[in-house]
Protein backbone atom coordinates (compact mmCIF):
# COMPACT_ATOMS: atom_id res chain seq x y z
CA MET A 1 19.62 -10.41 -7.80
CA PRO A 2 18.50 -7.12 -6.61
CA SER A 3 17.94 -6.43 -3.24
CA ILE A 4 15.81 -4.70 -1.29
CA THR A 5 15.95 -2.78 1.92
CA MET A 6 13.93 -3.11 5.48
CA PRO A 7 11.19 -0.17 4.36
CA ALA A 8 11.06 2.84 6.43
CA VAL A 9 7.09 4.11 7.02
CA ARG A 10 5.96 6.77 8.39
CA TYR A 11 2.69 7.13 9.48
CA ALA A 12 0.11 10.27 9.79
CA PRO A 13 0.05 11.72 12.78
CA HIS A 14 -3.68 11.17 14.42
CA TRP A 15 -4.82 7.81 15.11
CA VAL A 16 -8.22 7.23 14.65
CA SER A 17 -9.69 4.23 16.53
CA THR A 18 -12.80 2.43 15.55
CA ASP A 19 -14.96 3.80 18.46
CA GLU A 20 -13.81 7.02 17.50
CA LEU A 21 -15.07 6.61 13.81
CA ALA A 22 -18.05 5.09 14.76
CA ALA A 23 -18.81 7.82 17.28
CA THR A 24 -18.84 10.52 14.16
CA TYR A 25 -21.06 8.42 12.18
CA ARG A 26 -23.79 8.26 14.81
CA LEU A 27 -23.24 12.18 15.81
CA HIS A 28 -23.83 12.53 11.94
CA HIS A 29 -27.02 10.06 11.18
CA PRO A 30 -28.01 9.70 15.09
CA ASP A 31 -31.31 8.51 13.47
CA HIS A 32 -30.27 6.83 9.90
CA PRO A 33 -32.39 3.84 9.49
CA ARG A 34 -28.87 1.52 8.64
CA LEU A 35 -26.70 2.65 11.51
CA ALA A 36 -26.69 -0.06 13.00
CA THR A 37 -25.25 -2.00 10.01
CA TRP A 38 -22.98 1.18 9.16
CA MET A 39 -21.65 -0.04 12.88
CA ARG A 40 -21.18 -3.69 11.95
CA MET A 41 -19.15 -2.81 8.85
CA VAL A 42 -17.17 -0.30 10.49
CA ARG A 43 -16.18 -3.18 13.16
CA SER A 44 -16.08 -6.01 10.45
CA THR A 45 -12.66 -4.38 9.05
CA GLY A 46 -10.28 -6.30 11.55
CA VAL A 47 -8.96 -2.45 12.01
CA GLU A 48 -8.58 -1.44 15.25
CA LYS A 49 -7.12 2.00 14.63
CA ARG A 50 -5.96 3.99 11.80
CA PRO A 51 -3.38 6.41 11.10
CA TRP A 52 -5.06 9.98 9.68
CA LEU A 53 -3.46 13.43 8.76
CA ARG A 54 -6.24 15.03 10.57
CA PRO A 55 -8.85 13.85 13.54
CA PRO A 56 -12.63 12.93 12.31
CA ALA A 57 -14.14 16.29 12.81
CA SER A 58 -11.43 18.29 10.52
CA THR A 59 -11.28 15.64 7.84
CA GLY A 60 -14.80 15.32 7.28
CA ALA A 61 -15.26 18.96 7.26
CA ALA A 62 -13.36 19.71 4.36
CA ASP A 63 -15.41 19.24 1.15
CA GLY A 64 -14.88 19.96 -2.62
CA VAL A 65 -13.04 17.96 -4.94
CA GLY A 66 -9.94 20.95 -5.24
CA PRO A 67 -9.58 21.72 -1.47
CA ARG A 68 -9.65 17.70 -0.63
CA SER A 69 -7.17 16.86 -3.25
CA ARG A 70 -4.87 19.84 -2.63
CA THR A 71 -4.54 19.31 1.15
CA ALA A 72 -4.04 15.15 0.90
CA TYR A 73 -1.78 15.33 -1.52
CA GLY A 74 0.30 17.75 0.42
CA ALA A 75 0.58 15.95 3.29
CA ALA A 76 0.87 12.54 0.71
CA ARG A 77 3.93 14.50 -0.35
CA ASP A 78 5.80 15.41 3.32
CA LEU A 79 4.97 12.18 4.36
CA ALA A 80 6.84 10.68 1.39
CA VAL A 81 9.95 13.01 1.54
CA THR A 82 10.30 11.98 5.15
CA ALA A 83 10.26 7.97 4.71
CA GLY A 84 12.48 8.55 1.32
CA ARG A 85 15.24 10.48 3.46
CA ASP A 86 14.58 7.92 6.26
CA ALA A 87 14.94 4.97 3.08
CA LEU A 88 18.42 6.80 1.65
CA ALA A 89 19.93 6.85 5.70
CA ALA A 90 19.20 3.72 6.59
CA ALA A 91 20.82 1.78 3.29
CA GLY A 92 23.95 4.50 3.66
CA LEU A 93 23.27 6.27 0.73
CA ARG A 94 23.33 10.16 -0.40
CA PRO A 95 20.21 11.69 -2.83
CA CYS A 96 23.38 11.62 -5.64
CA ASP A 97 23.27 8.52 -5.49
CA ILE A 98 20.16 7.69 -6.45
CA ASP A 99 19.93 6.60 -10.43
CA ALA A 100 16.09 5.98 -10.84
CA VAL A 101 13.26 6.98 -8.30
CA VAL A 102 9.97 4.98 -8.75
CA THR A 103 6.46 6.49 -6.91
CA SER A 104 2.85 5.44 -6.53
CA HIS A 105 0.52 7.68 -5.04
CA THR A 106 -3.70 7.41 -6.18
CA SER A 107 -5.60 9.28 -3.58
CA SER A 108 -5.09 12.82 -4.45
CA TYR A 109 -4.88 13.67 -8.66
CA THR A 110 -1.45 16.33 -8.66
CA VAL A 111 0.38 17.06 -12.35
CA PRO A 112 3.40 16.90 -12.49
CA GLY A 113 3.75 13.98 -9.65
CA LEU A 114 5.06 12.56 -7.00
CA GLU A 115 8.25 11.48 -7.98
CA VAL A 116 9.29 15.00 -9.70
CA ASP A 117 8.21 16.40 -6.50
CA LEU A 118 10.78 14.13 -4.71
CA VAL A 119 13.64 14.81 -6.82
CA ARG A 120 13.29 18.55 -5.62
CA ARG A 121 12.28 18.02 -2.39
CA LEU A 122 15.23 14.87 -1.90
CA GLY A 123 17.85 16.68 -3.83
CA LEU A 124 18.08 13.74 -6.34
CA ARG A 125 20.09 14.31 -9.67
CA PRO A 126 18.42 15.81 -12.36
CA ASP A 127 18.77 13.30 -14.71
CA VAL A 128 17.69 10.31 -12.64
CA SER A 129 15.12 8.23 -14.21
CA ARG A 130 11.48 8.51 -13.45
CA VAL A 131 8.55 5.87 -12.94
CA GLY A 132 5.45 7.37 -11.75
CA LEU A 133 2.41 5.33 -11.18
CA ALA A 134 -1.03 6.93 -10.53
CA THR A 135 -3.76 4.44 -10.84
CA ALA A 136 -1.89 1.43 -9.07
CA ALA A 137 -3.75 2.21 -5.61
CA CYS A 138 -3.22 -0.95 -3.12
CA ALA A 139 -0.93 -2.65 -5.97
CA GLY A 140 1.01 0.33 -6.23
CA GLY A 141 3.85 -0.75 -3.21
CA ALA A 142 4.47 -4.19 -5.25
CA HIS A 143 3.99 -2.83 -8.32
CA ALA A 144 6.26 -0.38 -7.32
CA LEU A 145 8.95 -3.30 -6.18
CA THR A 146 8.04 -4.81 -9.81
CA GLN A 147 9.36 -1.82 -11.75
CA ALA A 148 12.50 -0.82 -9.71
CA ALA A 149 13.91 -5.06 -9.43
CA ARG A 150 13.24 -4.44 -13.53
CA ILE A 151 15.74 -1.11 -13.17
CA ALA A 152 18.42 -2.89 -10.99
CA ARG A 153 18.09 -6.25 -12.49
CA ASP A 154 19.05 -4.64 -16.22
CA LEU A 155 21.83 -1.81 -14.75
CA PRO A 156 23.68 -3.90 -11.74
CA ASP A 157 24.99 -1.09 -10.55
CA ALA A 158 22.04 1.02 -10.29
CA ALA A 159 20.18 2.41 -6.84
CA VAL A 160 16.35 3.23 -7.67
CA LEU A 161 14.49 4.68 -4.95
CA VAL A 162 10.95 3.65 -4.02
CA VAL A 163 8.34 6.13 -2.27
CA VAL A 164 4.67 5.02 -1.92
CA SER A 165 2.38 7.49 -0.14
CA GLU A 166 -1.56 7.47 0.07
CA ALA A 167 -3.82 9.76 1.99
CA LEU A 168 -6.89 7.61 2.10
CA SER A 169 -8.64 9.40 4.62
CA THR A 170 -9.83 11.62 2.05
CA LEU A 171 -12.73 9.43 1.33
CA PHE A 172 -14.01 9.98 4.59
CA HIS A 173 -17.07 11.92 4.20
CA PRO A 174 -19.55 11.55 7.28
CA SER A 175 -22.81 13.58 6.24
CA GLY A 176 -24.73 13.33 3.27
CA GLU A 177 -26.18 10.42 1.66
CA LEU A 178 -23.60 7.50 1.94
CA SER A 179 -23.28 4.21 0.24
CA LEU A 180 -22.13 1.27 2.08
CA GLN A 181 -18.87 0.88 0.34
CA GLN A 182 -18.24 4.21 1.36
CA VAL A 183 -19.31 3.43 4.97
CA LEU A 184 -16.92 0.39 4.76
CA TYR A 185 -13.77 1.91 3.02
CA SER A 186 -13.70 4.91 5.45
CA GLY A 187 -13.35 2.48 8.30
CA LEU A 188 -10.54 0.31 6.25
CA PHE A 189 -8.06 2.98 5.43
CA GLY A 190 -5.17 4.43 6.75
CA ASP A 191 -2.85 7.22 4.97
CA ALA A 192 0.74 6.32 5.38
CA ALA A 193 4.06 6.60 3.27
CA GLY A 194 6.30 4.09 2.48
CA ALA A 195 10.25 3.58 1.20
CA VAL A 196 12.88 1.47 0.21
CA VAL A 197 15.90 1.00 -1.66
CA VAL A 198 16.23 -1.17 -4.53
CA THR A 199 19.82 -2.14 -5.80
CA GLY A 200 21.15 -4.67 -8.07
CA ASP A 201 24.24 -7.37 -7.82
CA ALA A 202 26.80 -4.93 -7.98
CA ALA A 203 25.48 -2.15 -6.00
CA PRO A 204 27.02 -1.19 -1.93
CA LEU A 205 23.96 -1.14 0.31
CA ALA A 206 23.91 -1.13 4.03
CA GLY A 207 21.22 -2.84 6.35
CA ARG A 208 19.21 -5.46 6.46
CA ARG A 209 17.81 -6.17 2.97
CA VAL A 210 15.84 -9.46 0.99
CA GLN A 211 16.79 -10.38 -2.61
CA VAL A 212 14.25 -10.24 -4.91
CA GLY A 213 13.17 -12.46 -8.12
CA GLU A 214 10.73 -13.14 -10.34
CA ALA A 215 7.77 -11.05 -10.82
CA TRP A 216 3.95 -12.11 -11.94
CA GLU A 217 1.70 -9.68 -13.21
CA TYR A 218 -2.11 -10.31 -13.44
CA LEU A 219 -5.43 -8.15 -14.89
CA LEU A 220 -8.14 -10.37 -13.88
CA PRO A 221 -10.28 -11.02 -17.13
CA ASP A 222 -13.75 -8.65 -17.21
CA SER A 223 -12.83 -7.48 -13.43
CA GLU A 224 -13.80 -4.11 -14.13
CA ASP A 225 -16.48 -4.12 -12.16
CA ALA A 226 -14.66 -4.85 -8.65
CA TYR A 227 -12.81 -1.98 -7.03
CA TRP A 228 -12.64 1.38 -8.76
CA GLY A 229 -12.14 5.15 -7.71
CA VAL A 230 -13.92 7.89 -9.07
CA ILE A 231 -13.68 11.96 -8.69
CA ASP A 232 -16.71 13.97 -8.10
CA GLN A 233 -18.03 17.29 -6.78
CA PRO A 234 -17.16 15.77 -2.86
CA GLY A 235 -13.61 14.57 -3.74
CA ILE A 236 -12.28 11.68 -4.57
CA ARG A 237 -14.79 8.15 -3.39
CA PHE A 238 -13.80 4.10 -3.54
CA ASP A 239 -15.94 1.37 -4.96
CA SER A 240 -16.74 -2.06 -5.42
CA GLY A 241 -19.13 -3.98 -6.62
CA ALA A 242 -20.30 -7.75 -5.81
CA ARG A 243 -17.15 -8.87 -8.03
CA SER A 244 -14.99 -7.36 -5.19
CA ARG A 245 -15.66 -10.21 -2.69
CA THR A 246 -15.09 -13.40 -5.17
CA ALA A 247 -12.17 -11.68 -6.91
CA PRO A 248 -9.22 -12.61 -4.55
CA GLY A 249 -10.20 -16.36 -4.93
CA GLN A 250 -10.78 -15.85 -8.95
CA VAL A 251 -7.11 -14.96 -9.56
CA GLY A 252 -6.06 -17.93 -7.22
CA PRO A 253 -5.29 -20.55 -9.94
CA ALA A 254 -3.64 -18.59 -12.21
CA LEU A 255 -0.98 -17.40 -9.31
CA GLY A 256 -0.90 -20.96 -8.25
CA GLU A 257 0.14 -22.19 -11.41
CA TRP A 258 2.64 -19.59 -11.57
CA LEU A 259 3.77 -20.82 -8.27
CA ALA A 260 4.27 -24.34 -9.29
CA ARG A 261 6.79 -23.37 -11.85
CA GLY A 262 9.70 -22.43 -8.71
CA PRO A 263 10.05 -23.35 -5.66
CA ALA A 264 7.04 -23.07 -3.01
CA PRO A 265 7.63 -19.99 -0.52
CA GLN A 266 8.56 -20.68 2.65
CA TRP A 267 6.76 -16.99 4.04
CA ALA A 268 4.88 -14.81 2.66
CA VAL A 269 3.94 -10.91 2.56
CA VAL A 270 0.36 -10.13 2.06
CA HIS A 271 -1.26 -7.15 0.98
CA PRO A 272 -3.42 -6.84 4.25
CA GLY A 273 -6.75 -5.40 1.91
CA GLY A 274 -8.71 -7.05 4.75
CA PRO A 275 -9.40 -10.11 6.67
CA GLY A 276 -11.01 -11.83 3.79
CA ILE A 277 -7.93 -11.01 1.41
CA ILE A 278 -5.36 -11.96 4.12
CA SER A 279 -7.14 -15.18 4.19
CA THR A 280 -8.23 -16.14 0.56
CA THR A 281 -4.85 -14.98 -0.68
CA LEU A 282 -2.79 -17.55 1.92
CA GLU A 283 -5.41 -20.22 0.81
CA ALA A 284 -4.23 -19.22 -2.88
CA ILE A 285 -0.53 -19.86 -2.19
CA GLY A 286 -0.91 -23.24 -0.30
CA MET A 287 -0.02 -21.50 3.27
CA GLY A 288 -2.00 -21.29 6.78
CA PRO A 289 -3.62 -18.23 8.88
CA GLU A 290 -0.03 -18.33 10.88
CA ASP A 291 1.74 -17.39 7.57
CA GLY A 292 -0.05 -14.14 7.75
CA ARG A 293 0.09 -12.94 11.32
CA HIS A 294 2.16 -10.04 10.14
CA ALA A 295 -0.52 -9.05 8.03
CA ARG A 296 -3.12 -9.34 10.11
CA ASP A 297 -1.06 -7.08 12.70
CA SER A 298 -0.16 -4.28 9.98
CA LEU A 299 -4.26 -4.27 9.34
CA ALA A 300 -5.64 -4.14 13.11
CA GLU A 301 -2.76 -1.65 13.85
CA ALA A 302 -2.95 0.55 11.04
CA GLY A 303 -5.46 -0.28 8.51
CA ASN A 304 -5.30 -0.41 5.01
CA LEU A 305 -2.71 1.41 3.97
CA GLY A 306 -3.50 1.42 0.55
CA GLY A 307 0.04 0.78 -1.62
CA VAL A 308 1.93 1.65 1.12
CA ALA A 309 0.62 -1.22 3.05
CA VAL A 310 2.53 -4.03 1.94
CA LEU A 311 5.54 -2.02 2.92
CA ASP A 312 4.56 -2.31 6.22
CA VAL A 313 3.95 -5.87 5.72
CA LEU A 314 7.35 -6.32 4.56
CA SER A 315 8.76 -3.90 7.62
CA ARG A 316 6.74 -6.12 9.65
CA THR A 317 8.71 -9.15 8.63
CA LEU A 318 11.61 -8.38 8.39
CA ALA A 319 11.88 -6.84 11.97
CA ALA A 320 10.68 -9.94 13.09
CA PRO A 321 12.90 -11.23 16.43
CA VAL A 322 13.73 -14.61 13.96
CA PRO A 323 14.49 -13.13 10.02
CA PRO A 324 12.54 -15.03 7.53
CA THR A 325 14.79 -17.88 5.42
CA GLY A 326 14.42 -19.21 2.29
CA PRO A 327 12.40 -18.61 -0.63
CA GLY A 328 9.26 -16.25 0.15
CA LEU A 329 6.30 -14.47 -1.75
CA LEU A 330 5.18 -10.66 -1.42
CA VAL A 331 1.80 -10.70 -3.26
CA ALA A 332 -0.77 -8.08 -3.45
CA HIS A 333 -4.38 -6.53 -5.02
CA GLY A 334 -5.40 -3.52 -6.37
CA PRO A 335 -8.38 -1.95 -8.30
CA GLY A 336 -8.76 -3.95 -11.96
CA PHE A 337 -8.82 -6.24 -10.65
CA THR A 338 -5.10 -6.43 -10.35
CA THR A 339 -2.28 -8.92 -8.56
CA THR A 340 1.45 -7.89 -8.51
CA ALA A 341 3.73 -10.38 -7.02
CA LEU A 342 7.52 -10.86 -6.23
CA ARG A 343 9.64 -14.03 -5.33
CA LEU A 344 11.79 -12.83 -2.52
CA ASP A 345 15.16 -15.06 -1.33
CA GLY A 346 17.04 -15.91 1.64
CA ALA A 347 17.86 -14.83 5.02
CA PRO A 348 18.05 -10.80 5.67
CA VAL A 349 21.40 -9.50 6.12
């Protein structure tokens, strides 16, 4: 079975507390009739602090899709390069040892993509295979691991570098007309990059790792009105409809049917999309609240890091004083409404 190394996660440098974020909204909208509702929404996310590229004042000052996109991508790329180097060092590999690179990056538009920049900046071989995911968003980490595991399964000697990076603070627009969703998501998201190495059976690998088995991908029918992102004149924004509250639960029966065909998971890595998503996903896979402690800690201490979030939860899980043993499961949801799940197995070594 292919193996995944312990993820290397790099957070953005500025830590923004929920109190600081709430104060910024009060500063810009002291008399807004929905200010009290906004404050409740920001505090309902379960996030105590989140890493941002810049403090709220400078983040909110930038305007226009061009400046915001260029700034967000440049910073996300730099975090990705650092996380990629960390992952290579932890696995005991050189850039020339990598046979494929899989990336996910959604929060700013760029051509060529992040995978091309990483080949250049990490010094990967020019003939390395490249897979660049651009619209997977919160499911990006799980989806990138799925693609990497498929490559490693087909090529047992291969080493695949997975790098996910998001600059989601670019969604923060404190002035002007704001929707409830804009306020909610600005309080929920953080900026970070994460990287792992995935190898086949025959490839040597240093450091703690866990095996990865079968993958499952699911697109909830008629769910395009659950979550989506758009790019308009001020910049990128994330939005959702009423379906967002029920979509994670609606995936549950299909996910449970797939899980029933294999061993029941004894531990879980759940995407911390929000308190409700964590609890609903745990219920769907037949696990209790205690099994989501690493997901809740990640959410509280770093926010929803988009596609990086499951890598952060996986890192916390593998770094626990008592590492997980036996069959496990990694699950992430994303806009669409999409779900990707991976069976994990065995004690990390």
